[in-house]
Structures are given as structure tokens and as C-alpha cells.
Amino acid sequence: MTDAVAPTAPAARPSAAVRATRFWTSLPLSGRVGLALVVFWVAAAVFGPFLAPYEVGAIIAPDVFEGFSAAHPLGSDYLGRDVLSRVLSGARYTVGLALAAAVLASTTGTALALTAAVSGRWVDEGLSRLMDAMISIPSKVLALVMVAAFGSSIPLLLLIAAVTYVPGAYRIGRSLAVNLNEMDYVQAARARGEGRFYLARVEVLPNMINPMLADFGLRFVFVVLLLSGLSFLGLGVQPPNADLGSLVRENTSGLGDGALAVLMPALAIASLTIGVNLLIDALPGRARRVQGEP
């Protein structure tokens, strides 16, 4: 009589720390640099205002456009305010607005793409032609018209940035979803009588999530550059609040002298966007990056 084999217990799921370590070691050097920059700026956006050495609007420096010093590590701005405190506060608006707008744009674009892929031809054609019409409008022109018509405000900037990049997310999502919709396992689920919502949620979406996450990173970069450009033109975040683009604009008078007050916000925008791009390029197993802004 043979001995019964005891069933083996399922392998324990690795802890969050182990998964984080594996993800870190799977990245090349460029990816680690990008991840470090992204984590730094996200942390600055969340905790920066609480760690700022001075009040954001306090005029505390004896002179304007000061250089490095122990009291003011990043110098002072055109009014004598501490640049480090201003950058830490401005990062909250830049990262927060861009992240919220990118989430809205990618979520909406992916949802519409799934709807177009699993629905009939007329729904697909209607949504695609609507997105083609929206994408033909230059993003900055649309933003300028909307701000000129309704005035600049945080909700309006969020809406403009989200609506501007929905068509790009839709085009990427639809190209993925249409191909996945023709796969055998999707056809088998359809033959079983599964509904469209089930097909989109269970069969198609999980297999396109990684490329869409990579595209989400690109949306974030595009939104950062759009909002920073609007702020530089004076149409973005309005005083007394300021994002990184506003900090560059208000200190342009010190550009000829190479003032830290104008260089530091510009470097902050550059390091944030470069970090996100480096991280996207290094993500393991992701789809090839879409070249340029769709």
C-alpha cells in the first residue's frame, strides 16, 4: 500500500520589501536613476511644504537673487524670498496637478478604447472620429483659448490638461484593445455568452495594462510640460500660489546674472521629466515606447 502524499502548501507571497528589492535590482542604472528622481519629487510634493525652512511668501533675505548660503541653500528670489521653500511648495502643484490630470486622461481614454473595441462598428467609428477631431486641435492653443475665456483656476487647468490628452490615450488603448479582442481566448469567452463588460474587464484590460501604464508615464510628462508652459506665460497657477513654471517666469529678470531663483525651478522641471522618461524606458517587459506626443 503506497503512502499518501500530503498536499504541498502554496508558496508564500513575497513581502512588499522583497518585491521592491526585486524590482530595484531588475532595473538598469538609468532606470534606478529615474526611479530615484521620481520618488524624490513625489516625496517633495507630499512632504515638501512641511519641510520648507521658511514661510513660502515670507521676505527674509537681505538682498534679492542671493547665491548659495547656509541660511538659504538655493538663494533668494526677486523679492528676497527663500527659493528652497518656494520650490518645495511649487512641486506640490506641478506634481499634483500633472498626476491628477494624467490619471483622468489615461483612465478615460482606456475606458473609451475598451468600449470601442468590444462594441459594434458604429460605436467604434463614432468614438474614433470624435477623438480624431479633438486631437487635431493643438493642445496649447486649446489651453490658451479656454484660459482666456474662463480665467485660470486649478479645476480648469486640471480639466484642460485631462481633456487635451484623452485622445492620445484613446488611440494607444484602442490599437491594443482591437488586437486583443481578436484573440482566441476572447472569442471563446464571447462564445460562452459573456457580455461586453466582462470581455473588456476580464479578458482585454489585464493584457493591455502594462503598455497603458507606460503610456500613462508619457501623459504625465506631457501634462507637466503643458502646465509649466502655461504658467511661464502667466496663464497657469496664479499668485499667491505658484508651481515650478511660475517660479521660472517670476524670476526671469535674474536670468542674465545666472540667478539660482530661475535656474533651480528649471532644473526641477527637467529632472522630473527626465526621471519619468528614464523610468519608463527601463520598465521590465514593457511595450516599446511611443515616439513623440500623439
C-alpha atoms as a PDB file:
ATOM      1  CA  MET A   1       0.000   0.000   0.000  1.00  0.00           C
ATOM      2  CA  THR A   2       1.515   3.292  -1.053  1.00  0.00           C
ATOM      3  CA  ASP A   3       1.800   6.215   1.343  1.00  0.00           C
ATOM      4  CA  ALA A   4      -0.479   9.146   0.639  1.00  0.00           C
ATOM      5  CA  VAL A   5       1.365  12.238  -0.492  1.00  0.00           C
ATOM      6  CA  ALA A   6       0.466  15.224   1.600  1.00  0.00           C
ATOM      7  CA  PRO A   7      -0.561  18.224  -0.476  1.00  0.00           C
ATOM      8  CA  THR A   8       2.077  20.895  -0.599  1.00  0.00           C
ATOM      9  CA  ALA A   9       1.212  24.258   0.828  1.00  0.00           C
ATOM     10  CA  PRO A  10       1.102  27.140  -1.654  1.00  0.00           C
ATOM     11  CA  ALA A  11       4.247  29.212  -1.761  1.00  0.00           C
ATOM     12  CA  ALA A  12       4.107  32.255   0.441  1.00  0.00           C
ATOM     13  CA  ARG A  13       3.743  35.502  -1.440  1.00  0.00           C
ATOM     14  CA  PRO A  14       6.895  37.638  -1.226  1.00  0.00           C
ATOM     15  CA  SER A  15       6.653  40.611   1.085  1.00  0.00           C
ATOM     16  CA  ALA A  16       6.423  44.153  -0.216  1.00  0.00           C
ATOM     17  CA  ALA A  17      10.054  44.768   0.715  1.00  0.00           C
ATOM     18  CA  VAL A  18      11.176  41.697  -1.242  1.00  0.00           C
ATOM     19  CA  ARG A  19       9.124  42.714  -4.278  1.00  0.00           C
ATOM     20  CA  ALA A  20      10.524  46.241  -4.103  1.00  0.00           C
ATOM     21  CA  THR A  21      14.071  44.873  -3.892  1.00  0.00           C
ATOM     22  CA  ARG A  22      13.479  42.593  -6.891  1.00  0.00           C
ATOM     23  CA  PHE A  23      12.047  45.477  -8.889  1.00  0.00           C
ATOM     24  CA  TRP A  24      15.035  47.679  -7.993  1.00  0.00           C
ATOM     25  CA  THR A  25      17.571  45.007  -8.974  1.00  0.00           C
ATOM     26  CA  SER A  26      15.729  44.330 -12.254  1.00  0.00           C
ATOM     27  CA  LEU A  27      16.268  47.927 -13.383  1.00  0.00           C
ATOM     28  CA  PRO A  28      19.381  49.067 -15.231  1.00  0.00           C
ATOM     29  CA  LEU A  29      21.361  52.004 -13.904  1.00  0.00           C
ATOM     30  CA  SER A  30      19.344  54.522 -15.925  1.00  0.00           C
ATOM     31  CA  GLY A  31      16.117  53.086 -14.545  1.00  0.00           C
ATOM     32  CA  ARG A  32      17.393  53.340 -10.971  1.00  0.00           C
ATOM     33  CA  VAL A  33      18.354  56.957 -11.529  1.00  0.00           C
ATOM     34  CA  GLY A  34      14.911  57.642 -12.980  1.00  0.00           C
ATOM     35  CA  LEU A  35      13.146  55.889 -10.109  1.00  0.00           C
ATOM     36  CA  ALA A  36      15.195  57.827  -7.558  1.00  0.00           C
ATOM     37  CA  LEU A  37      14.296  61.130  -9.228  1.00  0.00           C
ATOM     38  CA  VAL A  38      10.604  60.237  -9.405  1.00  0.00           C
ATOM     39  CA  VAL A  39      10.490  59.140  -5.764  1.00  0.00           C
ATOM     40  CA  PHE A  40      12.343  62.300  -4.727  1.00  0.00           C
ATOM     41  CA  TRP A  41       9.889  64.636  -6.444  1.00  0.00           C
ATOM     42  CA  VAL A  42       6.833  62.726  -5.286  1.00  0.00           C
ATOM     43  CA  ALA A  43       8.171  62.921  -1.728  1.00  0.00           C
ATOM     44  CA  ALA A  44       8.884  66.636  -2.224  1.00  0.00           C
ATOM     45  CA  ALA A  45       5.316  67.185  -3.424  1.00  0.00           C
ATOM     46  CA  VAL A  46       3.851  65.353  -0.414  1.00  0.00           C
ATOM     47  CA  PHE A  47       6.155  66.449   2.399  1.00  0.00           C
ATOM     48  CA  GLY A  48       7.972  69.471   0.946  1.00  0.00           C
ATOM     49  CA  PRO A  49       5.665  72.212   2.256  1.00  0.00           C
ATOM     50  CA  PHE A  50       6.014  70.790   5.775  1.00  0.00           C
ATOM     51  CA  LEU A  51       9.807  70.661   5.495  1.00  0.00           C
ATOM     52  CA  ALA A  52      10.260  74.121   3.987  1.00  0.00           C
ATOM     53  CA  PRO A  53      12.598  76.164   6.199  1.00  0.00           C
ATOM     54  CA  TYR A  54      10.576  79.384   5.789  1.00  0.00           C
ATOM     55  CA  GLU A  55       7.057  80.521   5.009  1.00  0.00           C
ATOM     56  CA  VAL A  56       6.507  80.412   1.271  1.00  0.00           C
ATOM     57  CA  GLY A  57       5.673  84.105   0.920  1.00  0.00           C
ATOM     58  CA  ALA A  58       7.957  85.463   3.655  1.00  0.00           C
ATOM     59  CA  ILE A  59      10.558  88.028   2.561  1.00  0.00           C
ATOM     60  CA  ILE A  60      13.508  87.057   4.702  1.00  0.00           C
ATOM     61  CA  ALA A  61      16.697  87.620   2.674  1.00  0.00           C
ATOM     62  CA  PRO A  62      18.541  90.952   2.975  1.00  0.00           C
ATOM     63  CA  ASP A  63      19.123  91.053  -0.786  1.00  0.00           C
ATOM     64  CA  VAL A  64      17.457  89.734  -3.942  1.00  0.00           C
ATOM     65  CA  PHE A  65      18.889  86.971  -6.134  1.00  0.00           C
ATOM     66  CA  GLU A  66      21.338  85.802  -3.500  1.00  0.00           C
ATOM     67  CA  GLY A  67      23.518  82.768  -4.188  1.00  0.00           C
ATOM     68  CA  PHE A  68      24.153  79.684  -2.080  1.00  0.00           C
ATOM     69  CA  SER A  69      24.361  80.291   1.654  1.00  0.00           C
ATOM     70  CA  ALA A  70      23.803  78.395   4.879  1.00  0.00           C
ATOM     71  CA  ALA A  71      20.613  80.346   5.579  1.00  0.00           C
ATOM     72  CA  HIS A  72      19.317  79.977   2.009  1.00  0.00           C
ATOM     73  CA  PRO A  73      20.697  76.825   0.318  1.00  0.00           C
ATOM     74  CA  LEU A  74      19.172  77.763  -3.046  1.00  0.00           C
ATOM     75  CA  GLY A  75      19.438  81.526  -2.670  1.00  0.00           C
ATOM     76  CA  SER A  76      16.662  84.103  -2.732  1.00  0.00           C
ATOM     77  CA  ASP A  77      14.256  85.233  -5.445  1.00  0.00           C
ATOM     78  CA  TYR A  78      13.424  88.637  -6.928  1.00  0.00           C
ATOM     79  CA  LEU A  79      11.646  89.712  -3.720  1.00  0.00           C
ATOM     80  CA  GLY A  80      14.064  88.187  -1.243  1.00  0.00           C
ATOM     81  CA  ARG A  81      12.061  85.032  -0.555  1.00  0.00           C
ATOM     82  CA  ASP A  82      13.724  81.682   0.091  1.00  0.00           C
ATOM     83  CA  VAL A  83      13.972  79.728  -3.182  1.00  0.00           C
ATOM     84  CA  LEU A  84      14.145  76.315  -1.491  1.00  0.00           C
ATOM     85  CA  SER A  85      10.843  76.929   0.282  1.00  0.00           C
ATOM     86  CA  ARG A  86       9.277  78.163  -2.974  1.00  0.00           C
ATOM     87  CA  VAL A  87      10.479  75.124  -4.944  1.00  0.00           C
ATOM     88  CA  LEU A  88       9.233  72.679  -2.319  1.00  0.00           C
ATOM     89  CA  SER A  89       5.821  74.373  -2.371  1.00  0.00           C
ATOM     90  CA  GLY A  90       5.713  74.659  -6.169  1.00  0.00           C
ATOM     91  CA  ALA A  91       6.468  70.958  -6.588  1.00  0.00           C
ATOM     92  CA  ARG A  92       3.139  70.143  -4.949  1.00  0.00           C
ATOM     93  CA  TYR A  93       1.201  71.974  -7.657  1.00  0.00           C
ATOM     94  CA  THR A  94       3.331  70.701 -10.536  1.00  0.00           C
ATOM     95  CA  VAL A  95       3.356  67.044  -9.497  1.00  0.00           C
ATOM     96  CA  GLY A  96      -0.147  67.010  -8.027  1.00  0.00           C
ATOM     97  CA  LEU A  97      -1.893  68.648 -10.969  1.00  0.00           C
ATOM     98  CA  ALA A  98       0.048  66.637 -13.542  1.00  0.00           C
ATOM     99  CA  LEU A  99      -0.596  63.353 -11.733  1.00  0.00           C
ATOM    100  CA  ALA A 100      -4.329  64.000 -11.363  1.00  0.00           C
ATOM    101  CA  ALA A 101      -4.687  65.107 -14.990  1.00  0.00           C
ATOM    102  CA  ALA A 102      -2.694  62.120 -16.277  1.00  0.00           C
ATOM    103  CA  VAL A 103      -4.836  59.721 -14.235  1.00  0.00           C
ATOM    104  CA  LEU A 104      -8.036  61.272 -15.610  1.00  0.00           C
ATOM    105  CA  ALA A 105      -6.756  61.285 -19.197  1.00  0.00           C
ATOM    106  CA  SER A 106      -5.437  57.715 -19.150  1.00  0.00           C
ATOM    107  CA  THR A 107      -8.446  56.291 -17.306  1.00  0.00           C
ATOM    108  CA  THR A 108     -10.948  57.985 -19.599  1.00  0.00           C
ATOM    109  CA  GLY A 109      -9.008  57.152 -22.756  1.00  0.00           C
ATOM    110  CA  THR A 110      -8.617  53.491 -21.745  1.00  0.00           C
ATOM    111  CA  ALA A 111     -12.305  53.166 -20.843  1.00  0.00           C
ATOM    112  CA  LEU A 112     -13.376  54.641 -24.183  1.00  0.00           C
ATOM    113  CA  ALA A 113     -10.886  52.429 -26.022  1.00  0.00           C
ATOM    114  CA  LEU A 114     -12.281  49.296 -24.387  1.00  0.00           C
ATOM    115  CA  THR A 115     -15.817  50.416 -25.220  1.00  0.00           C
ATOM    116  CA  ALA A 116     -14.882  50.953 -28.857  1.00  0.00           C
ATOM    117  CA  ALA A 117     -13.087  47.601 -29.117  1.00  0.00           C
ATOM    118  CA  VAL A 118     -15.867  45.383 -27.723  1.00  0.00           C
ATOM    119  CA  SER A 119     -18.810  47.314 -29.160  1.00  0.00           C
ATOM    120  CA  GLY A 120     -20.162  47.403 -32.663  1.00  0.00           C
ATOM    121  CA  ARG A 121     -18.713  49.143 -35.679  1.00  0.00           C
ATOM    122  CA  TRP A 122     -20.825  52.281 -35.300  1.00  0.00           C
ATOM    123  CA  VAL A 123     -19.707  52.905 -31.726  1.00  0.00           C
ATOM    124  CA  ASP A 124     -16.076  52.374 -32.721  1.00  0.00           C
ATOM    125  CA  GLU A 125     -16.362  54.709 -35.702  1.00  0.00           C
ATOM    126  CA  GLY A 126     -18.167  57.397 -33.717  1.00  0.00           C
ATOM    127  CA  LEU A 127     -15.654  57.444 -30.877  1.00  0.00           C
ATOM    128  CA  SER A 128     -12.689  57.299 -33.227  1.00  0.00           C
ATOM    129  CA  ARG A 129     -13.889  60.219 -35.339  1.00  0.00           C
ATOM    130  CA  LEU A 130     -14.602  62.268 -32.207  1.00  0.00           C
ATOM    131  CA  MET A 131     -11.082  61.620 -30.916  1.00  0.00           C
ATOM    132  CA  ASP A 132      -9.606  62.454 -34.329  1.00  0.00           C
ATOM    133  CA  ALA A 133     -11.392  65.810 -34.203  1.00  0.00           C
ATOM    134  CA  MET A 134     -10.137  66.505 -30.673  1.00  0.00           C
ATOM    135  CA  ILE A 135      -6.556  65.522 -31.412  1.00  0.00           C
ATOM    136  CA  SER A 136      -6.445  67.870 -34.420  1.00  0.00           C
ATOM    137  CA  ILE A 137      -6.670  70.853 -32.046  1.00  0.00           C
ATOM    138  CA  PRO A 138      -3.187  71.851 -30.798  1.00  0.00           C
ATOM    139  CA  SER A 139      -3.040  71.337 -27.049  1.00  0.00           C
ATOM    140  CA  LYS A 140      -1.522  74.713 -26.217  1.00  0.00           C
ATOM    141  CA  VAL A 141      -3.962  76.580 -28.456  1.00  0.00           C
ATOM    142  CA  LEU A 142      -6.899  74.861 -26.754  1.00  0.00           C
ATOM    143  CA  ALA A 143      -5.454  75.668 -23.335  1.00  0.00           C
ATOM    144  CA  LEU A 144      -4.894  79.315 -24.234  1.00  0.00           C
ATOM    145  CA  VAL A 145      -8.454  79.701 -25.553  1.00  0.00           C
ATOM    146  CA  MET A 146     -10.017  78.048 -22.506  1.00  0.00           C
ATOM    147  CA  VAL A 147      -7.982  80.099 -20.023  1.00  0.00           C
ATOM    148  CA  ALA A 148      -8.695  83.317 -21.927  1.00  0.00           C
ATOM    149  CA  ALA A 149     -12.412  82.536 -21.962  1.00  0.00           C
ATOM    150  CA  PHE A 150     -12.940  81.309 -18.392  1.00  0.00           C
ATOM    151  CA  GLY A 151      -9.904  82.565 -16.468  1.00  0.00           C
ATOM    152  CA  SER A 152      -7.214  80.482 -14.844  1.00  0.00           C
ATOM    153  CA  SER A 153      -8.099  78.252 -11.898  1.00  0.00           C
ATOM    154  CA  ILE A 154      -6.884  74.931 -10.533  1.00  0.00           C
ATOM    155  CA  PRO A 155     -10.033  72.962 -11.591  1.00  0.00           C
ATOM    156  CA  LEU A 156      -9.945  74.483 -15.086  1.00  0.00           C
ATOM    157  CA  LEU A 157      -6.250  73.682 -15.553  1.00  0.00           C
ATOM    158  CA  LEU A 158      -6.915  70.113 -14.416  1.00  0.00           C
ATOM    159  CA  LEU A 159      -9.828  69.770 -16.848  1.00  0.00           C
ATOM    160  CA  ILE A 160      -7.891  71.282 -19.761  1.00  0.00           C
ATOM    161  CA  ALA A 161      -4.888  69.012 -19.241  1.00  0.00           C
ATOM    162  CA  ALA A 162      -7.057  65.905 -18.871  1.00  0.00           C
ATOM    163  CA  VAL A 163      -9.244  66.596 -21.923  1.00  0.00           C
ATOM    164  CA  THR A 164      -6.219  67.507 -24.040  1.00  0.00           C
ATOM    165  CA  TYR A 165      -4.569  64.107 -23.593  1.00  0.00           C
ATOM    166  CA  VAL A 166      -7.604  61.807 -23.619  1.00  0.00           C
ATOM    167  CA  PRO A 167      -7.396  61.328 -27.433  1.00  0.00           C
ATOM    168  CA  GLY A 168      -3.763  60.208 -27.272  1.00  0.00           C
ATOM    169  CA  ALA A 169      -4.519  57.668 -24.549  1.00  0.00           C
ATOM    170  CA  TYR A 170      -7.568  56.517 -26.535  1.00  0.00           C
ATOM    171  CA  ARG A 171      -5.567  55.888 -29.709  1.00  0.00           C
ATOM    172  CA  ILE A 172      -2.941  53.821 -27.900  1.00  0.00           C
ATOM    173  CA  GLY A 173      -5.573  51.920 -25.915  1.00  0.00           C
ATOM    174  CA  ARG A 174      -7.763  51.215 -28.922  1.00  0.00           C
ATOM    175  CA  SER A 175      -4.874  49.858 -31.007  1.00  0.00           C
ATOM    176  CA  LEU A 176      -4.085  47.419 -28.189  1.00  0.00           C
ATOM    177  CA  ALA A 177      -7.682  46.523 -27.393  1.00  0.00           C
ATOM    178  CA  VAL A 178      -8.688  45.860 -31.002  1.00  0.00           C
ATOM    179  CA  ASN A 179      -5.827  43.388 -31.457  1.00  0.00           C
ATOM    180  CA  LEU A 180      -6.573  41.646 -28.149  1.00  0.00           C
ATOM    181  CA  ASN A 181     -10.265  41.470 -28.995  1.00  0.00           C
ATOM    182  CA  GLU A 182      -9.461  39.102 -31.867  1.00  0.00           C
ATOM    183  CA  MET A 183      -7.525  36.643 -29.707  1.00  0.00           C
ATOM    184  CA  ASP A 184      -8.827  33.085 -29.322  1.00  0.00           C
ATOM    185  CA  TYR A 185      -9.455  33.357 -25.582  1.00  0.00           C
ATOM    186  CA  VAL A 186     -11.640  36.438 -26.131  1.00  0.00           C
ATOM    187  CA  GLN A 187     -13.565  34.668 -28.886  1.00  0.00           C
ATOM    188  CA  ALA A 188     -14.033  31.686 -26.588  1.00  0.00           C
ATOM    189  CA  ALA A 189     -15.413  33.926 -23.845  1.00  0.00           C
ATOM    190  CA  ARG A 190     -17.751  35.552 -26.343  1.00  0.00           C
ATOM    191  CA  ALA A 191     -18.924  32.122 -27.494  1.00  0.00           C
ATOM    192  CA  ARG A 192     -19.715  31.263 -23.854  1.00  0.00           C
ATOM    193  CA  GLY A 193     -22.124  34.154 -23.853  1.00  0.00           C
ATOM    194  CA  GLU A 194     -20.088  36.596 -21.787  1.00  0.00           C
ATOM    195  CA  GLY A 195     -21.168  40.217 -22.024  1.00  0.00           C
ATOM    196  CA  ARG A 196     -19.196  43.148 -23.323  1.00  0.00           C
ATOM    197  CA  PHE A 197     -18.379  44.473 -19.865  1.00  0.00           C
ATOM    198  CA  TYR A 198     -16.942  41.095 -18.857  1.00  0.00           C
ATOM    199  CA  LEU A 199     -14.880  40.865 -22.051  1.00  0.00           C
ATOM    200  CA  ALA A 200     -13.464  44.344 -21.566  1.00  0.00           C
ATOM    201  CA  ARG A 201     -12.785  43.998 -17.834  1.00  0.00           C
ATOM    202  CA  VAL A 202     -11.589  40.386 -17.558  1.00  0.00           C
ATOM    203  CA  GLU A 203     -10.244  39.342 -20.957  1.00  0.00           C
ATOM    204  CA  VAL A 204      -8.870  42.503 -22.604  1.00  0.00           C
ATOM    205  CA  LEU A 205      -7.871  45.030 -19.918  1.00  0.00           C
ATOM    206  CA  PRO A 206      -5.436  42.806 -17.918  1.00  0.00           C
ATOM    207  CA  ASN A 207      -3.469  42.080 -21.095  1.00  0.00           C
ATOM    208  CA  MET A 208      -3.046  45.742 -22.055  1.00  0.00           C
ATOM    209  CA  ILE A 209      -2.389  47.234 -18.641  1.00  0.00           C
ATOM    210  CA  ASN A 210       1.426  47.260 -18.868  1.00  0.00           C
ATOM    211  CA  PRO A 211       1.633  49.233 -22.138  1.00  0.00           C
ATOM    212  CA  MET A 212      -1.033  51.612 -20.827  1.00  0.00           C
ATOM    213  CA  LEU A 213       0.978  52.204 -17.656  1.00  0.00           C
ATOM    214  CA  ALA A 214       3.978  53.104 -19.811  1.00  0.00           C
ATOM    215  CA  ASP A 215       1.753  55.451 -21.807  1.00  0.00           C
ATOM    216  CA  PHE A 216       0.488  56.933 -18.530  1.00  0.00           C
ATOM    217  CA  GLY A 217       4.053  57.974 -17.730  1.00  0.00           C
ATOM    218  CA  LEU A 218       4.246  59.802 -21.039  1.00  0.00           C
ATOM    219  CA  ARG A 219       0.909  61.531 -20.361  1.00  0.00           C
ATOM    220  CA  PHE A 220       2.342  62.717 -17.054  1.00  0.00           C
ATOM    221  CA  VAL A 221       5.396  64.215 -18.749  1.00  0.00           C
ATOM    222  CA  PHE A 222       3.256  65.923 -21.407  1.00  0.00           C
ATOM    223  CA  VAL A 223       0.991  67.436 -18.742  1.00  0.00           C
ATOM    224  CA  VAL A 224       3.957  68.714 -16.708  1.00  0.00           C
ATOM    225  CA  LEU A 225       5.335  70.472 -19.778  1.00  0.00           C
ATOM    226  CA  LEU A 226       1.907  71.851 -20.763  1.00  0.00           C
ATOM    227  CA  LEU A 227       1.151  73.263 -17.306  1.00  0.00           C
ATOM    228  CA  SER A 228       4.680  74.631 -16.914  1.00  0.00           C
ATOM    229  CA  GLY A 229       4.392  76.332 -20.296  1.00  0.00           C
ATOM    230  CA  LEU A 230       1.070  77.916 -19.357  1.00  0.00           C
ATOM    231  CA  SER A 231       2.484  79.107 -16.047  1.00  0.00           C
ATOM    232  CA  PHE A 232       5.503  80.599 -17.810  1.00  0.00           C
ATOM    233  CA  LEU A 233       3.064  82.590 -19.975  1.00  0.00           C
ATOM    234  CA  GLY A 234       1.206  83.755 -16.869  1.00  0.00           C
ATOM    235  CA  LEU A 235      -1.881  81.628 -17.595  1.00  0.00           C
ATOM    236  CA  GLY A 236      -1.233  78.738 -15.198  1.00  0.00           C
ATOM    237  CA  VAL A 237      -1.312  78.624 -11.420  1.00  0.00           C
ATOM    238  CA  GLN A 238      -1.974  82.140 -10.184  1.00  0.00           C
ATOM    239  CA  PRO A 239      -0.419  84.072  -7.253  1.00  0.00           C
ATOM    240  CA  PRO A 240      -0.139  83.757  -4.328  1.00  0.00           C
ATOM    241  CA  ASN A 241       0.193  80.078  -5.325  1.00  0.00           C
ATOM    242  CA  ALA A 242       2.950  79.068  -7.711  1.00  0.00           C
ATOM    243  CA  ASP A 243       4.121  75.946  -9.494  1.00  0.00           C
ATOM    244  CA  LEU A 244       7.588  75.365 -10.908  1.00  0.00           C
ATOM    245  CA  GLY A 245       6.736  77.075 -14.191  1.00  0.00           C
ATOM    246  CA  SER A 246       5.530  80.159 -12.327  1.00  0.00           C
ATOM    247  CA  LEU A 247       8.776  80.287 -10.360  1.00  0.00           C
ATOM    248  CA  VAL A 248      10.760  80.396 -13.600  1.00  0.00           C
ATOM    249  CA  ARG A 249       8.582  83.170 -15.005  1.00  0.00           C
ATOM    250  CA  GLU A 250       8.630  85.455 -11.977  1.00  0.00           C
ATOM    251  CA  ASN A 251      12.439  85.339 -11.730  1.00  0.00           C
ATOM    252  CA  THR A 252      13.354  85.806 -15.389  1.00  0.00           C
ATOM    253  CA  SER A 253      14.871  89.206 -14.581  1.00  0.00           C
ATOM    254  CA  GLY A 254      17.733  87.355 -12.900  1.00  0.00           C
ATOM    255  CA  LEU A 255      18.462  85.130 -15.873  1.00  0.00           C
ATOM    256  CA  GLY A 256      21.216  87.397 -17.187  1.00  0.00           C
ATOM    257  CA  ASP A 257      23.102  87.019 -13.914  1.00  0.00           C
ATOM    258  CA  GLY A 258      22.527  83.268 -13.726  1.00  0.00           C
ATOM    259  CA  ALA A 259      20.421  83.620 -10.576  1.00  0.00           C
ATOM    260  CA  LEU A 260      19.590  80.423  -8.729  1.00  0.00           C
ATOM    261  CA  ALA A 261      15.996  81.587  -8.402  1.00  0.00           C
ATOM    262  CA  VAL A 262      15.427  80.998 -12.131  1.00  0.00           C
ATOM    263  CA  LEU A 263      17.815  78.073 -12.629  1.00  0.00           C
ATOM    264  CA  MET A 264      16.601  75.873  -9.780  1.00  0.00           C
ATOM    265  CA  PRO A 265      12.908  75.642 -10.837  1.00  0.00           C
ATOM    266  CA  ALA A 266      14.007  74.988 -14.426  1.00  0.00           C
ATOM    267  CA  LEU A 267      16.321  72.202 -13.249  1.00  0.00           C
ATOM    268  CA  ALA A 268      13.485  70.812 -11.126  1.00  0.00           C
ATOM    269  CA  ILE A 269      11.186  70.556 -14.157  1.00  0.00           C
ATOM    270  CA  ALA A 270      13.968  68.993 -16.227  1.00  0.00           C
ATOM    271  CA  SER A 271      14.921  66.434 -13.568  1.00  0.00           C
ATOM    272  CA  LEU A 272      11.288  65.435 -13.018  1.00  0.00           C
ATOM    273  CA  THR A 273      10.544  64.846 -16.703  1.00  0.00           C
ATOM    274  CA  ILE A 274      13.896  63.164 -17.366  1.00  0.00           C
ATOM    275  CA  GLY A 275      13.408  60.884 -14.355  1.00  0.00           C
ATOM    276  CA  VAL A 276       9.989  59.762 -15.538  1.00  0.00           C
ATOM    277  CA  ASN A 277      11.306  59.078 -19.045  1.00  0.00           C
ATOM    278  CA  LEU A 278      14.282  57.105 -17.738  1.00  0.00           C
ATOM    279  CA  LEU A 279      11.996  55.007 -15.558  1.00  0.00           C
ATOM    280  CA  ILE A 280       9.565  54.323 -18.415  1.00  0.00           C
ATOM    281  CA  ASP A 281      12.378  53.299 -20.759  1.00  0.00           C
ATOM    282  CA  ALA A 282      13.738  50.865 -18.161  1.00  0.00           C
ATOM    283  CA  LEU A 283      10.494  49.180 -17.082  1.00  0.00           C
ATOM    284  CA  PRO A 284      10.921  45.389 -17.448  1.00  0.00           C
ATOM    285  CA  GLY A 285       8.836  43.820 -20.194  1.00  0.00           C
ATOM    286  CA  ARG A 286       7.039  46.973 -21.240  1.00  0.00           C
ATOM    287  CA  ALA A 287       5.950  47.690 -24.794  1.00  0.00           C
ATOM    288  CA  ARG A 288       8.158  49.861 -26.910  1.00  0.00           C
ATOM    289  CA  ARG A 289       7.715  53.471 -26.084  1.00  0.00           C
ATOM    290  CA  VAL A 290       5.528  55.553 -28.357  1.00  0.00           C
ATOM    291  CA  GLN A 291       7.760  58.089 -30.044  1.00  0.00           C
ATOM    292  CA  GLY A 292       6.573  61.663 -29.728  1.00  0.00           C
ATOM    293  CA  GLU A 293       3.296  63.034 -28.484  1.00  0.00           C
ATOM    294  CA  PRO A 294       0.310  61.540 -30.323  1.00  0.00           C
END
